[in-house]
């Protein structure tokens, strides 16, 4: 099972499970492949002005820790089978590890309760 708090998300294509994990190595691999900072790509996705090249590179990089045999073209084929919206959702789950500010404010409030006052 994926652990989104560690930057992991899972999906399945044609009965095969995949685990996307955004480690620092994955983030660096994306930036090397795409030639741009990961944070810039996330802003584009949030504004729905994403690049197919960028989304494909994000998925490829996120798969490398667990599935090093997946090529860049394979990542594109996976997006074809998943659909763009599902691929974006998977990447959003995986990338919250690096960009916790992507989490809605109301979700933050429920996951981190206030510290109780000291006892008198």
PDB file of N, CA and C in Angstrom:
ATOM      1  N   UNK A   1       0.843  -1.187   0.000  1.00  0.00           N
ATOM      2  CA  UNK A   1       0.000   0.000   0.000  1.00  0.00           C
ATOM      3  C   UNK A   1       0.882   1.242   0.000  1.00  0.00           C
ATOM      4  N   UNK A   2       0.473   2.228  -0.755  1.00  0.00           N
ATOM      5  CA  UNK A   2       1.245   3.464  -0.866  1.00  0.00           C
ATOM      6  C   UNK A   2       1.128   4.295   0.400  1.00  0.00           C
ATOM      7  N   UNK A   3       2.173   5.035   0.671  1.00  0.00           N
ATOM      8  CA  UNK A   3       2.192   5.933   1.821  1.00  0.00           C
ATOM      9  C   UNK A   3       2.343   7.358   1.296  1.00  0.00           C
ATOM     10  N   UNK A   4       1.222   8.111   1.161  1.00  0.00           N
ATOM     11  CA  UNK A   4       1.310   9.462   0.613  1.00  0.00           C
ATOM     12  C   UNK A   4       2.149  10.405   1.462  1.00  0.00           C
ATOM     13  N   UNK A   5       2.306  10.098   2.746  1.00  0.00           N
ATOM     14  CA  UNK A   5       3.138  10.952   3.592  1.00  0.00           C
ATOM     15  C   UNK A   5       4.617  10.803   3.254  1.00  0.00           C
ATOM     16  N   UNK A   6       4.984   9.742   2.555  1.00  0.00           N
ATOM     17  CA  UNK A   6       6.360   9.538   2.119  1.00  0.00           C
ATOM     18  C   UNK A   6       6.511   9.814   0.628  1.00  0.00           C
ATOM     19  N   UNK A   7       5.507  10.432   0.022  1.00  0.00           N
ATOM     20  CA  UNK A   7       5.587  10.762  -1.387  1.00  0.00           C
ATOM     21  C   UNK A   7       5.305   9.590  -2.296  1.00  0.00           C
ATOM     22  N   UNK A   8       4.354   8.726  -1.929  1.00  0.00           N
ATOM     23  CA  UNK A   8       4.035   7.546  -2.719  1.00  0.00           C
ATOM     24  C   UNK A   8       2.576   7.555  -3.164  1.00  0.00           C
ATOM     25  N   UNK A   9       2.335   7.015  -4.341  1.00  0.00           N
ATOM     26  CA  UNK A   9       0.986   6.809  -4.851  1.00  0.00           C
ATOM     27  C   UNK A   9       1.022   5.545  -5.694  1.00  0.00           C
ATOM     28  N   UNK A  10      -0.107   4.868  -5.802  1.00  0.00           N
ATOM     29  CA  UNK A  10      -0.161   3.658  -6.619  1.00  0.00           C
ATOM     30  C   UNK A  10      -1.255   3.778  -7.659  1.00  0.00           C
ATOM     31  N   UNK A  11      -1.089   3.019  -8.723  1.00  0.00           N
ATOM     32  CA  UNK A  11      -2.126   2.873  -9.737  1.00  0.00           C
ATOM     33  C   UNK A  11      -1.918   1.528 -10.407  1.00  0.00           C
ATOM     34  N   UNK A  12      -2.905   1.115 -11.166  1.00  0.00           N
ATOM     35  CA  UNK A  12      -2.836  -0.169 -11.842  1.00  0.00           C
ATOM     36  C   UNK A  12      -3.202   0.019 -13.307  1.00  0.00           C
ATOM     37  N   UNK A  13      -2.461  -0.627 -14.181  1.00  0.00           N
ATOM     38  CA  UNK A  13      -2.750  -0.617 -15.607  1.00  0.00           C
ATOM     39  C   UNK A  13      -2.670  -2.056 -16.096  1.00  0.00           C
ATOM     40  N   UNK A  14      -3.753  -2.511 -16.705  1.00  0.00           N
ATOM     41  CA  UNK A  14      -3.835  -3.865 -17.255  1.00  0.00           C
ATOM     42  C   UNK A  14      -3.434  -4.927 -16.228  1.00  0.00           C
ATOM     43  N   UNK A  15      -3.903  -4.743 -15.002  1.00  0.00           N
ATOM     44  CA  UNK A  15      -3.656  -5.712 -13.949  1.00  0.00           C
ATOM     45  C   UNK A  15      -2.293  -5.629 -13.294  1.00  0.00           C
ATOM     46  N   UNK A  16      -1.431  -4.725 -13.742  1.00  0.00           N
ATOM     47  CA  UNK A  16      -0.102  -4.592 -13.154  1.00  0.00           C
ATOM     48  C   UNK A  16      -0.072  -3.367 -12.239  1.00  0.00           C
ATOM     49  N   UNK A  17       0.325  -3.569 -10.970  1.00  0.00           N
ATOM     50  CA  UNK A  17       0.407  -2.427 -10.050  1.00  0.00           C
ATOM     51  C   UNK A  17       1.697  -1.629 -10.250  1.00  0.00           C
ATOM     52  N   UNK A  18       1.591  -0.335 -10.093  1.00  0.00           N
ATOM     53  CA  UNK A  18       2.743   0.567 -10.179  1.00  0.00           C
ATOM     54  C   UNK A  18       2.761   1.433  -8.928  1.00  0.00           C
ATOM     55  N   UNK A  19       3.963   1.738  -8.460  1.00  0.00           N
ATOM     56  CA  UNK A  19       4.131   2.629  -7.319  1.00  0.00           C
ATOM     57  C   UNK A  19       4.969   3.819  -7.773  1.00  0.00           C
ATOM     58  N   UNK A  20       4.394   4.996  -7.619  1.00  0.00           N
ATOM     59  CA  UNK A  20       5.087   6.243  -7.925  1.00  0.00           C
ATOM     60  C   UNK A  20       5.614   6.772  -6.603  1.00  0.00           C
ATOM     61  N   UNK A  21       6.905   7.025  -6.559  1.00  0.00           N
ATOM     62  CA  UNK A  21       7.506   7.553  -5.330  1.00  0.00           C
ATOM     63  C   UNK A  21       8.380   8.739  -5.699  1.00  0.00           C
ATOM     64  N   UNK A  22       8.052   9.888  -5.140  1.00  0.00           N
ATOM     65  CA  UNK A  22       8.846  11.064  -5.421  1.00  0.00           C
ATOM     66  C   UNK A  22       9.882  11.283  -4.339  1.00  0.00           C
ATOM     67  N   UNK A  23      11.044  10.680  -4.569  1.00  0.00           N
ATOM     68  CA  UNK A  23      12.209  10.892  -3.717  1.00  0.00           C
ATOM     69  C   UNK A  23      12.953  12.116  -4.259  1.00  0.00           C
ATOM     70  N   UNK A  24      14.001  12.513  -3.568  1.00  0.00           N
ATOM     71  CA  UNK A  24      14.815  13.619  -4.074  1.00  0.00           C
ATOM     72  C   UNK A  24      15.496  13.217  -5.368  1.00  0.00           C
ATOM     73  N   UNK A  25      15.873  11.944  -5.496  1.00  0.00           N
ATOM     74  CA  UNK A  25      16.464  11.485  -6.755  1.00  0.00           C
ATOM     75  C   UNK A  25      15.464  11.561  -7.892  1.00  0.00           C
ATOM     76  N   UNK A  26      14.210  11.230  -7.608  1.00  0.00           N
ATOM     77  CA  UNK A  26      13.178  11.327  -8.635  1.00  0.00           C
ATOM     78  C   UNK A  26      12.958  12.778  -9.050  1.00  0.00           C
ATOM     79  N   UNK A  27      12.943  13.675  -8.078  1.00  0.00           N
ATOM     80  CA  UNK A  27      12.770  15.102  -8.391  1.00  0.00           C
ATOM     81  C   UNK A  27      13.918  15.595  -9.266  1.00  0.00           C
ATOM     82  N   UNK A  28      15.139  15.198  -8.917  1.00  0.00           N
ATOM     83  CA  UNK A  28      16.303  15.602  -9.717  1.00  0.00           C
ATOM     84  C   UNK A  28      16.253  14.979 -11.109  1.00  0.00           C
ATOM     85  N   UNK A  29      15.806  13.725 -11.202  1.00  0.00           N
ATOM     86  CA  UNK A  29      15.700  13.072 -12.519  1.00  0.00           C
ATOM     87  C   UNK A  29      14.694  13.817 -13.391  1.00  0.00           C
ATOM     88  N   UNK A  30      13.562  14.241 -12.801  1.00  0.00           N
ATOM     89  CA  UNK A  30      12.589  15.022 -13.557  1.00  0.00           C
ATOM     90  C   UNK A  30      13.235  16.301 -14.080  1.00  0.00           C
ATOM     91  N   UNK A  31      13.911  17.015 -13.197  1.00  0.00           N
ATOM     92  CA  UNK A  31      14.498  18.296 -13.591  1.00  0.00           C
ATOM     93  C   UNK A  31      15.560  18.128 -14.678  1.00  0.00           C
ATOM     94  N   UNK A  32      16.341  17.055 -14.591  1.00  0.00           N
ATOM     95  CA  UNK A  32      17.331  16.787 -15.637  1.00  0.00           C
ATOM     96  C   UNK A  32      16.647  16.479 -16.963  1.00  0.00           C
ATOM     97  N   UNK A  33      15.598  15.657 -16.921  1.00  0.00           N
ATOM     98  CA  UNK A  33      14.895  15.251 -18.141  1.00  0.00           C
ATOM     99  C   UNK A  33      14.139  16.424 -18.765  1.00  0.00           C
ATOM    100  N   UNK A  34      13.445  17.186 -17.933  1.00  0.00           N
ATOM    101  CA  UNK A  34      12.581  18.252 -18.438  1.00  0.00           C
ATOM    102  C   UNK A  34      13.315  19.575 -18.637  1.00  0.00           C
ATOM    103  N   UNK A  35      14.452  19.742 -17.966  1.00  0.00           N
ATOM    104  CA  UNK A  35      15.194  20.986 -18.108  1.00  0.00           C
ATOM    105  C   UNK A  35      14.542  22.163 -17.401  1.00  0.00           C
ATOM    106  N   UNK A  36      13.766  21.873 -16.373  1.00  0.00           N
ATOM    107  CA  UNK A  36      13.100  22.942 -15.622  1.00  0.00           C
ATOM    108  C   UNK A  36      12.819  22.471 -14.211  1.00  0.00           C
ATOM    109  N   UNK A  37      12.650  23.401 -13.273  1.00  0.00           N
ATOM    110  CA  UNK A  37      12.361  23.012 -11.891  1.00  0.00           C
ATOM    111  C   UNK A  37      10.997  22.334 -11.772  1.00  0.00           C
ATOM    112  N   UNK A  38      10.919  21.383 -10.896  1.00  0.00           N
ATOM    113  CA  UNK A  38       9.667  20.676 -10.645  1.00  0.00           C
ATOM    114  C   UNK A  38       8.589  21.635 -10.155  1.00  0.00           C
ATOM    115  N   UNK A  39       8.957  22.612  -9.362  1.00  0.00           N
ATOM    116  CA  UNK A  39       7.967  23.566  -8.847  1.00  0.00           C
ATOM    117  C   UNK A  39       7.299  24.347  -9.981  1.00  0.00           C
ATOM    118  N   UNK A  40       8.031  24.664 -11.041  1.00  0.00           N
ATOM    119  CA  UNK A  40       7.433  25.354 -12.192  1.00  0.00           C
ATOM    120  C   UNK A  40       6.386  24.474 -12.872  1.00  0.00           C
ATOM    121  N   UNK A  41       6.706  23.194 -13.020  1.00  0.00           N
ATOM    122  CA  UNK A  41       5.765  22.268 -13.654  1.00  0.00           C
ATOM    123  C   UNK A  41       4.493  22.126 -12.826  1.00  0.00           C
ATOM    124  N   UNK A  42       4.635  22.104 -11.508  1.00  0.00           N
ATOM    125  CA  UNK A  42       3.463  21.986 -10.649  1.00  0.00           C
ATOM    126  C   UNK A  42       2.546  23.192 -10.773  1.00  0.00           C
ATOM    127  N   UNK A  43       3.133  24.363 -10.898  1.00  0.00           N
ATOM    128  CA  UNK A  43       2.310  25.567 -11.098  1.00  0.00           C
ATOM    129  C   UNK A  43       1.535  25.477 -12.404  1.00  0.00           C
ATOM    130  N   UNK A  44       2.181  24.971 -13.444  1.00  0.00           N
ATOM    131  CA  UNK A  44       1.499  24.801 -14.729  1.00  0.00           C
ATOM    132  C   UNK A  44       0.327  23.830 -14.606  1.00  0.00           C
ATOM    133  N   UNK A  45       0.547  22.715 -13.920  1.00  0.00           N
ATOM    134  CA  UNK A  45      -0.511  21.724 -13.741  1.00  0.00           C
ATOM    135  C   UNK A  45      -1.663  22.327 -12.937  1.00  0.00           C
ATOM    136  N   UNK A  46      -1.342  23.053 -11.867  1.00  0.00           N
ATOM    137  CA  UNK A  46      -2.386  23.675 -11.038  1.00  0.00           C
ATOM    138  C   UNK A  46      -3.217  24.668 -11.851  1.00  0.00           C
ATOM    139  N   UNK A  47      -2.595  25.322 -12.803  1.00  0.00           N
ATOM    140  CA  UNK A  47      -3.295  26.298 -13.658  1.00  0.00           C
ATOM    141  C   UNK A  47      -3.920  25.632 -14.879  1.00  0.00           C
ATOM    142  N   UNK A  48      -3.789  24.278 -14.965  1.00  0.00           N
ATOM    143  CA  UNK A  48      -4.289  23.504 -16.094  1.00  0.00           C
ATOM    144  C   UNK A  48      -3.671  23.960 -17.407  1.00  0.00           C
ATOM    145  N   UNK A  49      -2.407  24.370 -17.338  1.00  0.00           N
ATOM    146  CA  UNK A  49      -1.636  24.719 -18.536  1.00  0.00           C
ATOM    147  C   UNK A  49      -0.419  23.792 -18.584  1.00  0.00           C
ATOM    148  N   UNK A  50      -0.663  22.529 -18.378  1.00  0.00           N
ATOM    149  CA  UNK A  50       0.437  21.582 -18.287  1.00  0.00           C
ATOM    150  C   UNK A  50       0.941  21.199 -19.673  1.00  0.00           C
ATOM    151  N   UNK A  51       2.140  20.719 -19.697  1.00  0.00           N
ATOM    152  CA  UNK A  51       2.760  20.223 -20.913  1.00  0.00           C
ATOM    153  C   UNK A  51       2.720  18.707 -20.891  1.00  0.00           C
ATOM    154  N   UNK A  52       2.390  18.087 -22.013  1.00  0.00           N
ATOM    155  CA  UNK A  52       2.405  16.628 -22.106  1.00  0.00           C
ATOM    156  C   UNK A  52       3.802  16.105 -21.819  1.00  0.00           C
ATOM    157  N   UNK A  53       4.789  16.793 -22.304  1.00  0.00           N
ATOM    158  CA  UNK A  53       6.190  16.408 -22.084  1.00  0.00           C
ATOM    159  C   UNK A  53       6.534  16.444 -20.588  1.00  0.00           C
ATOM    160  N   UNK A  54       6.049  17.443 -19.915  1.00  0.00           N
ATOM    161  CA  UNK A  54       6.328  17.598 -18.496  1.00  0.00           C
ATOM    162  C   UNK A  54       5.612  16.533 -17.662  1.00  0.00           C
ATOM    163  N   UNK A  55       4.337  16.264 -17.929  1.00  0.00           N
ATOM    164  CA  UNK A  55       3.596  15.250 -17.188  1.00  0.00           C
ATOM    165  C   UNK A  55       4.219  13.873 -17.402  1.00  0.00           C
ATOM    166  N   UNK A  56       4.597  13.581 -18.635  1.00  0.00           N
ATOM    167  CA  UNK A  56       5.247  12.299 -18.934  1.00  0.00           C
ATOM    168  C   UNK A  56       6.562  12.168 -18.177  1.00  0.00           C
ATOM    169  N   UNK A  57       7.353  13.230 -18.144  1.00  0.00           N
ATOM    170  CA  UNK A  57       8.627  13.204 -17.424  1.00  0.00           C
ATOM    171  C   UNK A  57       8.409  13.061 -15.921  1.00  0.00           C
ATOM    172  N   UNK A  58       7.346  13.704 -15.382  1.00  0.00           N
ATOM    173  CA  UNK A  58       7.039  13.567 -13.959  1.00  0.00           C
ATOM    174  C   UNK A  58       6.708  12.129 -13.608  1.00  0.00           C
ATOM    175  N   UNK A  59       5.844  11.497 -14.403  1.00  0.00           N
ATOM    176  CA  UNK A  59       5.474  10.119 -14.121  1.00  0.00           C
ATOM    177  C   UNK A  59       6.687   9.205 -14.252  1.00  0.00           C
ATOM    178  N   UNK A  60       7.455   9.372 -15.301  1.00  0.00           N
ATOM    179  CA  UNK A  60       8.664   8.556 -15.506  1.00  0.00           C
ATOM    180  C   UNK A  60       9.610   8.675 -14.305  1.00  0.00           C
ATOM    181  N   UNK A  61       9.880   9.897 -13.886  1.00  0.00           N
ATOM    182  CA  UNK A  61      10.806  10.108 -12.765  1.00  0.00           C
ATOM    183  C   UNK A  61      10.268   9.485 -11.487  1.00  0.00           C
ATOM    184  N   UNK A  62       8.976   9.636 -11.238  1.00  0.00           N
ATOM    185  CA  UNK A  62       8.375   9.082 -10.039  1.00  0.00           C
ATOM    186  C   UNK A  62       8.341   7.562 -10.019  1.00  0.00           C
ATOM    187  N   UNK A  63       8.413   6.931 -11.171  1.00  0.00           N
ATOM    188  CA  UNK A  63       8.420   5.474 -11.251  1.00  0.00           C
ATOM    189  C   UNK A  63       9.812   4.872 -11.110  1.00  0.00           C
ATOM    190  N   UNK A  64      10.851   5.655 -11.280  1.00  0.00           N
ATOM    191  CA  UNK A  64      12.200   5.106 -11.366  1.00  0.00           C
ATOM    192  C   UNK A  64      12.692   4.371 -10.123  1.00  0.00           C
ATOM    193  N   UNK A  65      12.327   4.808  -8.926  1.00  0.00           N
ATOM    194  CA  UNK A  65      12.780   4.119  -7.711  1.00  0.00           C
ATOM    195  C   UNK A  65      12.244   2.694  -7.633  1.00  0.00           C
ATOM    196  N   UNK A  66      10.992   2.517  -7.973  1.00  0.00           N
ATOM    197  CA  UNK A  66      10.345   1.205  -7.860  1.00  0.00           C
ATOM    198  C   UNK A  66      10.312   0.414  -9.164  1.00  0.00           C
ATOM    199  N   UNK A  67      10.372   1.109 -10.295  1.00  0.00           N
ATOM    200  CA  UNK A  67      10.249   0.471 -11.617  1.00  0.00           C
ATOM    201  C   UNK A  67      11.307   1.046 -12.565  1.00  0.00           C
ATOM    202  N   UNK A  68      12.584   0.774 -12.306  1.00  0.00           N
ATOM    203  CA  UNK A  68      13.643   1.378 -13.116  1.00  0.00           C
ATOM    204  C   UNK A  68      13.642   0.937 -14.583  1.00  0.00           C
ATOM    205  N   UNK A  69      12.911  -0.126 -14.894  1.00  0.00           N
ATOM    206  CA  UNK A  69      12.837  -0.598 -16.278  1.00  0.00           C
ATOM    207  C   UNK A  69      11.846   0.200 -17.123  1.00  0.00           C
ATOM    208  N   UNK A  70      11.016   1.048 -16.510  1.00  0.00           N
ATOM    209  CA  UNK A  70      10.040   1.853 -17.247  1.00  0.00           C
ATOM    210  C   UNK A  70      10.779   2.983 -17.961  1.00  0.00           C
ATOM    211  N   UNK A  71      10.607   3.046 -19.266  1.00  0.00           N
ATOM    212  CA  UNK A  71      11.241   4.095 -20.066  1.00  0.00           C
ATOM    213  C   UNK A  71      10.330   5.317 -20.142  1.00  0.00           C
ATOM    214  N   UNK A  72      10.861   6.384 -20.697  1.00  0.00           N
ATOM    215  CA  UNK A  72      10.069   7.596 -20.893  1.00  0.00           C
ATOM    216  C   UNK A  72       8.869   7.307 -21.794  1.00  0.00           C
ATOM    217  N   UNK A  73       9.087   6.550 -22.864  1.00  0.00           N
ATOM    218  CA  UNK A  73       7.973   6.199 -23.757  1.00  0.00           C
ATOM    219  C   UNK A  73       6.961   5.309 -23.050  1.00  0.00           C
ATOM    220  N   UNK A  74       7.450   4.407 -22.193  1.00  0.00           N
ATOM    221  CA  UNK A  74       6.522   3.583 -21.408  1.00  0.00           C
ATOM    222  C   UNK A  74       5.645   4.468 -20.529  1.00  0.00           C
ATOM    223  N   UNK A  75       6.229   5.492 -19.926  1.00  0.00           N
ATOM    224  CA  UNK A  75       5.464   6.410 -19.074  1.00  0.00           C
ATOM    225  C   UNK A  75       4.360   7.079 -19.892  1.00  0.00           C
ATOM    226  N   UNK A  76       4.660   7.459 -21.115  1.00  0.00           N
ATOM    227  CA  UNK A  76       3.643   8.043 -21.989  1.00  0.00           C
ATOM    228  C   UNK A  76       2.529   7.055 -22.298  1.00  0.00           C
ATOM    229  N   UNK A  77       2.878   5.804 -22.516  1.00  0.00           N
ATOM    230  CA  UNK A  77       1.863   4.775 -22.766  1.00  0.00           C
ATOM    231  C   UNK A  77       0.984   4.558 -21.530  1.00  0.00           C
ATOM    232  N   UNK A  78       1.597   4.625 -20.354  1.00  0.00           N
ATOM    233  CA  UNK A  78       0.817   4.490 -19.119  1.00  0.00           C
ATOM    234  C   UNK A  78      -0.188   5.633 -18.988  1.00  0.00           C
ATOM    235  N   UNK A  79       0.236   6.839 -19.336  1.00  0.00           N
ATOM    236  CA  UNK A  79      -0.688   7.983 -19.293  1.00  0.00           C
ATOM    237  C   UNK A  79      -1.818   7.779 -20.294  1.00  0.00           C
ATOM    238  N   UNK A  80      -1.494   7.248 -21.485  1.00  0.00           N
ATOM    239  CA  UNK A  80      -2.537   6.952 -22.476  1.00  0.00           C
ATOM    240  C   UNK A  80      -3.597   6.028 -21.879  1.00  0.00           C
ATOM    241  N   UNK A  81      -3.149   5.029 -21.128  1.00  0.00           N
ATOM    242  CA  UNK A  81      -4.076   4.048 -20.567  1.00  0.00           C
ATOM    243  C   UNK A  81      -4.798   4.572 -19.332  1.00  0.00           C
ATOM    244  N   UNK A  82      -4.109   5.384 -18.527  1.00  0.00           N
ATOM    245  CA  UNK A  82      -4.719   5.957 -17.328  1.00  0.00           C
ATOM    246  C   UNK A  82      -5.660   7.103 -17.653  1.00  0.00           C
ATOM    247  N   UNK A  83      -5.282   7.898 -18.612  1.00  0.00           N
ATOM    248  CA  UNK A  83      -5.966   9.149 -18.897  1.00  0.00           C
ATOM    249  C   UNK A  83      -5.244  10.289 -18.195  1.00  0.00           C
ATOM    250  N   UNK A  84      -5.279  11.454 -18.793  1.00  0.00           N
ATOM    251  CA  UNK A  84      -4.564  12.617 -18.262  1.00  0.00           C
ATOM    252  C   UNK A  84      -5.006  12.973 -16.847  1.00  0.00           C
ATOM    253  N   UNK A  85      -6.307  13.004 -16.601  1.00  0.00           N
ATOM    254  CA  UNK A  85      -6.793  13.420 -15.278  1.00  0.00           C
ATOM    255  C   UNK A  85      -6.330  12.459 -14.186  1.00  0.00           C
ATOM    256  N   UNK A  86      -6.385  11.165 -14.436  1.00  0.00           N
ATOM    257  CA  UNK A  86      -5.950  10.200 -13.429  1.00  0.00           C
ATOM    258  C   UNK A  86      -4.441  10.287 -13.221  1.00  0.00           C
ATOM    259  N   UNK A  87      -3.698  10.489 -14.302  1.00  0.00           N
ATOM    260  CA  UNK A  87      -2.239  10.646 -14.171  1.00  0.00           C
ATOM    261  C   UNK A  87      -1.918  11.884 -13.336  1.00  0.00           C
ATOM    262  N   UNK A  88      -2.629  12.969 -13.557  1.00  0.00           N
ATOM    263  CA  UNK A  88      -2.425  14.180 -12.757  1.00  0.00           C
ATOM    264  C   UNK A  88      -2.767  13.927 -11.293  1.00  0.00           C
ATOM    265  N   UNK A  89      -3.845  13.179 -11.036  1.00  0.00           N
ATOM    266  CA  UNK A  89      -4.239  12.887  -9.658  1.00  0.00           C
ATOM    267  C   UNK A  89      -3.158  12.069  -8.956  1.00  0.00           C
ATOM    268  N   UNK A  90      -2.645  11.046  -9.630  1.00  0.00           N
ATOM    269  CA  UNK A  90      -1.589  10.209  -9.059  1.00  0.00           C
ATOM    270  C   UNK A  90      -0.369  11.060  -8.744  1.00  0.00           C
ATOM    271  N   UNK A  91       0.013  11.925  -9.666  1.00  0.00           N
ATOM    272  CA  UNK A  91       1.181  12.777  -9.436  1.00  0.00           C
ATOM    273  C   UNK A  91       0.922  13.733  -8.273  1.00  0.00           C
ATOM    274  N   UNK A  92      -0.297  14.251  -8.163  1.00  0.00           N
ATOM    275  CA  UNK A  92      -0.625  15.157  -7.058  1.00  0.00           C
ATOM    276  C   UNK A  92      -0.453  14.484  -5.709  1.00  0.00           C
ATOM    277  N   UNK A  93      -0.901  13.236  -5.593  1.00  0.00           N
ATOM    278  CA  UNK A  93      -0.738  12.491  -4.339  1.00  0.00           C
ATOM    279  C   UNK A  93       0.742  12.304  -4.037  1.00  0.00           C
ATOM    280  N   UNK A  94       1.502  11.875  -5.033  1.00  0.00           N
ATOM    281  CA  UNK A  94       2.929  11.605  -4.829  1.00  0.00           C
ATOM    282  C   UNK A  94       3.717  12.873  -4.512  1.00  0.00           C
ATOM    283  N   UNK A  95       3.335  13.975  -5.090  1.00  0.00           N
ATOM    284  CA  UNK A  95       4.121  15.203  -4.944  1.00  0.00           C
ATOM    285  C   UNK A  95       3.816  15.996  -3.677  1.00  0.00           C
ATOM    286  N   UNK A  96       2.789  15.630  -2.948  1.00  0.00           N
ATOM    287  CA  UNK A  96       2.491  16.351  -1.703  1.00  0.00           C
ATOM    288  C   UNK A  96       3.632  16.249  -0.694  1.00  0.00           C
ATOM    289  N   UNK A  97       4.452  15.211  -0.807  1.00  0.00           N
ATOM    290  CA  UNK A  97       5.616  15.060   0.062  1.00  0.00           C
ATOM    291  C   UNK A  97       6.573  16.235  -0.118  1.00  0.00           C
ATOM    292  N   UNK A  98       6.758  16.666  -1.354  1.00  0.00           N
ATOM    293  CA  UNK A  98       7.677  17.772  -1.639  1.00  0.00           C
ATOM    294  C   UNK A  98       7.031  19.129  -1.497  1.00  0.00           C
ATOM    295  N   UNK A  99       5.730  19.183  -1.726  1.00  0.00           N
ATOM    296  CA  UNK A  99       5.026  20.454  -1.715  1.00  0.00           C
ATOM    297  C   UNK A  99       3.791  20.353  -0.831  1.00  0.00           C
ATOM    298  N   UNK A 100       3.968  20.297   0.494  1.00  0.00           N
ATOM    299  CA  UNK A 100       2.803  20.148   1.377  1.00  0.00           C
ATOM    300  C   UNK A 100       1.828  21.311   1.277  1.00  0.00           C
ATOM    301  N   UNK A 101       2.260  22.428   0.735  1.00  0.00           N
ATOM    302  CA  UNK A 101       1.348  23.562   0.574  1.00  0.00           C
ATOM    303  C   UNK A 101       0.265  23.269  -0.463  1.00  0.00           C
ATOM    304  N   UNK A 102       0.387  22.161  -1.206  1.00  0.00           N
ATOM    305  CA  UNK A 102      -0.664  21.768  -2.146  1.00  0.00           C
ATOM    306  C   UNK A 102      -1.895  21.225  -1.418  1.00  0.00           C
ATOM    307  N   UNK A 103      -1.729  20.843  -0.161  1.00  0.00           N
ATOM    308  CA  UNK A 103      -2.824  20.300   0.640  1.00  0.00           C
ATOM    309  C   UNK A 103      -3.793  21.429   0.964  1.00  0.00           C
ATOM    310  N   UNK A 104      -5.104  21.228   0.797  1.00  0.00           N
ATOM    311  CA  UNK A 104      -6.069  22.268   1.138  1.00  0.00           C
ATOM    312  C   UNK A 104      -5.962  22.646   2.613  1.00  0.00           C
ATOM    313  N   UNK A 105      -6.239  23.913   2.920  1.00  0.00           N
ATOM    314  CA  UNK A 105      -6.120  24.413   4.288  1.00  0.00           C
ATOM    315  C   UNK A 105      -6.993  23.629   5.262  1.00  0.00           C
ATOM    316  N   UNK A 106      -8.213  23.266   4.870  1.00  0.00           N
ATOM    317  CA  UNK A 106      -9.080  22.546   5.797  1.00  0.00           C
ATOM    318  C   UNK A 106      -8.551  21.146   6.091  1.00  0.00           C
ATOM    319  N   UNK A 107      -7.842  20.522   5.148  1.00  0.00           N
ATOM    320  CA  UNK A 107      -7.249  19.203   5.399  1.00  0.00           C
ATOM    321  C   UNK A 107      -6.088  19.330   6.369  1.00  0.00           C
ATOM    322  N   UNK A 108      -5.320  20.412   6.269  1.00  0.00           N
ATOM    323  CA  UNK A 108      -4.204  20.625   7.183  1.00  0.00           C
ATOM    324  C   UNK A 108      -4.718  20.744   8.617  1.00  0.00           C
ATOM    325  N   UNK A 109      -5.816  21.470   8.786  1.00  0.00           N
ATOM    326  CA  UNK A 109      -6.342  21.706  10.130  1.00  0.00           C
ATOM    327  C   UNK A 109      -6.781  20.407  10.792  1.00  0.00           C
ATOM    328  N   UNK A 110      -7.300  19.470  10.013  1.00  0.00           N
ATOM    329  CA  UNK A 110      -7.776  18.232  10.616  1.00  0.00           C
ATOM    330  C   UNK A 110      -6.652  17.228  10.868  1.00  0.00           C
ATOM    331  N   UNK A 111      -5.529  17.365  10.191  1.00  0.00           N
ATOM    332  CA  UNK A 111      -4.451  16.410  10.372  1.00  0.00           C
ATOM    333  C   UNK A 111      -3.460  16.829  11.438  1.00  0.00           C
ATOM    334  N   UNK A 112      -3.457  18.060  11.839  1.00  0.00           N
ATOM    335  CA  UNK A 112      -2.501  18.530  12.833  1.00  0.00           C
ATOM    336  C   UNK A 112      -3.259  19.280  13.929  1.00  0.00           C
ATOM    337  N   UNK A 113      -3.778  18.541  14.920  1.00  0.00           N
ATOM    338  CA  UNK A 113      -4.578  19.194  15.956  1.00  0.00           C
ATOM    339  C   UNK A 113      -3.745  20.167  16.776  1.00  0.00           C
ATOM    340  N   UNK A 114      -4.404  21.149  17.379  1.00  0.00           N
ATOM    341  CA  UNK A 114      -3.676  22.127  18.191  1.00  0.00           C
ATOM    342  C   UNK A 114      -3.045  21.455  19.415  1.00  0.00           C
ATOM    343  N   UNK A 115      -1.968  22.027  19.870  1.00  0.00           N
ATOM    344  CA  UNK A 115      -1.286  21.539  21.074  1.00  0.00           C
ATOM    345  C   UNK A 115      -2.108  21.939  22.284  1.00  0.00           C
ATOM    346  N   UNK A 116      -2.383  20.978  23.192  1.00  0.00           N
ATOM    347  CA  UNK A 116      -3.185  21.335  24.371  1.00  0.00           C
ATOM    348  C   UNK A 116      -2.409  22.275  25.285  1.00  0.00           C
ATOM    349  N   UNK A 117      -3.139  23.067  26.019  1.00  0.00           N
ATOM    350  CA  UNK A 117      -2.529  24.003  26.978  1.00  0.00           C
ATOM    351  C   UNK A 117      -1.860  23.206  28.094  1.00  0.00           C
ATOM    352  N   UNK A 118      -0.752  23.723  28.634  1.00  0.00           N
ATOM    353  CA  UNK A 118      -0.087  23.004  29.732  1.00  0.00           C
ATOM    354  C   UNK A 118      -1.001  22.919  30.950  1.00  0.00           C
ATOM    355  N   UNK A 119      -0.838  21.837  31.691  1.00  0.00           N
ATOM    356  CA  UNK A 119      -1.636  21.642  32.920  1.00  0.00           C
ATOM    357  C   UNK A 119      -1.173  22.610  33.995  1.00  0.00           C
ATOM    358  N   UNK A 120      -2.105  23.082  34.783  1.00  0.00           N
ATOM    359  CA  UNK A 120      -1.766  24.035  35.848  1.00  0.00           C
ATOM    360  C   UNK A 120      -1.459  23.337  37.142  1.00  0.00           C
TER     361      UNK A 120
END
